Amino acid sequence: MSKEENKAQRRWAVVGYNILGMVGYTLLCRLAGEGGILFDCILLVAHFIICVILSIVWSKWEWILSAFLVVAIGFSACVTLLTLN
């Protein structure tokens, strides 16, 4: 594997781990009960802020991509969970 392919793979790994983390705490919050949805929204905002800060500090685009994917997927999950209940 070339250096460029290795870099691309690491970039997508950052995005994948962020989404995997978001899915994990969303499922745990969903199992927690009624207050879990609000806590999930708070964690989602914190996750977004951390990703944006890390993208600025490290000047890495994969972190900003992760931030926007976390917000897009997380917001849709929160809306879905709130409308299903």
Protein backbone atom coordinates (compact mmCIF):
# COMPACT_ATOMS: atom_id res chain seq x y z
CA MET A 1 0.00 0.00 0.00
CA SER A 2 1.37 3.40 -0.96
CA LYS A 3 1.73 6.31 1.44
CA GLU A 4 -1.16 8.16 -0.22
CA GLU A 5 -3.51 5.18 0.13
CA ASN A 6 -2.46 4.81 3.77
CA LYS A 7 -3.23 8.51 4.43
CA ALA A 8 -6.64 8.23 2.81
CA GLN A 9 -7.43 5.15 4.84
CA ARG A 10 -6.50 6.94 8.09
CA ARG A 11 -8.68 9.93 7.13
CA TRP A 12 -11.71 7.73 6.62
CA ALA A 13 -10.92 5.89 9.84
CA VAL A 14 -11.29 9.18 11.77
CA VAL A 15 -14.69 9.76 10.20
CA GLY A 16 -15.75 6.17 10.81
CA TYR A 17 -14.72 6.17 14.47
CA ASN A 18 -16.59 9.41 15.09
CA ILE A 19 -19.76 8.06 13.55
CA LEU A 20 -19.34 4.76 15.40
CA GLY A 21 -18.96 6.66 18.68
CA MET A 22 -22.07 8.71 17.94
CA VAL A 23 -24.09 5.58 17.16
CA GLY A 24 -22.84 4.00 20.40
CA TYR A 25 -23.85 6.81 22.73
CA THR A 26 -27.13 7.33 20.85
CA LEU A 27 -28.09 3.70 21.42
CA LEU A 28 -27.08 3.87 25.09
CA CYS A 29 -29.08 7.06 25.59
CA ARG A 30 -32.06 5.54 23.83
CA LEU A 31 -31.99 2.58 26.21
CA ALA A 32 -31.74 4.92 29.22
CA GLY A 33 -35.36 6.02 28.95
CA GLU A 34 -37.09 9.37 28.59
CA GLY A 35 -34.25 11.60 29.78
CA GLY A 36 -31.85 9.81 27.49
CA ILE A 37 -33.00 11.67 24.39
CA LEU A 38 -32.16 15.04 25.92
CA PHE A 39 -28.80 13.73 27.12
CA ASP A 40 -28.14 12.38 23.61
CA CYS A 41 -28.75 15.84 22.15
CA ILE A 42 -26.32 17.36 24.65
CA LEU A 43 -23.68 14.75 23.79
CA LEU A 44 -24.27 15.39 20.10
CA VAL A 45 -23.59 19.12 20.49
CA ALA A 46 -20.49 18.40 22.60
CA HIS A 47 -19.24 15.91 19.99
CA PHE A 48 -19.74 18.48 17.24
CA ILE A 49 -17.86 21.18 19.18
CA ILE A 50 -14.96 18.84 19.96
CA CYS A 51 -14.67 17.83 16.29
CA VAL A 52 -14.66 21.47 15.16
CA ILE A 53 -12.02 22.41 17.75
CA LEU A 54 -9.82 19.48 16.73
CA SER A 55 -10.17 20.39 13.06
CA ILE A 56 -8.92 23.89 13.85
CA VAL A 57 -6.10 22.76 16.14
CA TRP A 58 -4.81 20.00 13.87
CA SER A 59 -5.82 21.60 10.54
CA LYS A 60 -7.35 18.33 9.39
CA TRP A 61 -10.37 18.29 7.10
CA GLU A 62 -11.49 14.85 8.22
CA TRP A 63 -12.43 16.31 11.61
CA ILE A 64 -14.66 18.98 10.09
CA LEU A 65 -16.25 16.33 7.85
CA SER A 66 -16.82 14.21 10.95
CA ALA A 67 -18.40 17.18 12.73
CA PHE A 68 -20.91 17.82 9.97
CA LEU A 69 -21.73 14.15 9.51
CA VAL A 70 -22.27 13.76 13.26
CA VAL A 71 -24.64 16.75 13.25
CA ALA A 72 -26.55 15.61 10.16
CA ILE A 73 -26.96 12.00 11.31
CA GLY A 74 -27.46 12.89 14.96
CA PHE A 75 -30.05 15.59 14.28
CA SER A 76 -32.06 13.26 12.08
CA ALA A 77 -31.83 10.52 14.74
CA CYS A 78 -33.02 12.93 17.46
CA VAL A 79 -35.94 14.12 15.35
CA THR A 80 -36.88 10.54 14.52
CA LEU A 81 -36.71 9.43 18.13
CA LEU A 82 -38.77 12.40 19.30
CA THR A 83 -41.48 11.85 16.71
CA LEU A 84 -41.72 8.09 17.34
CA ASN A 85 -42.46 8.51 21.05
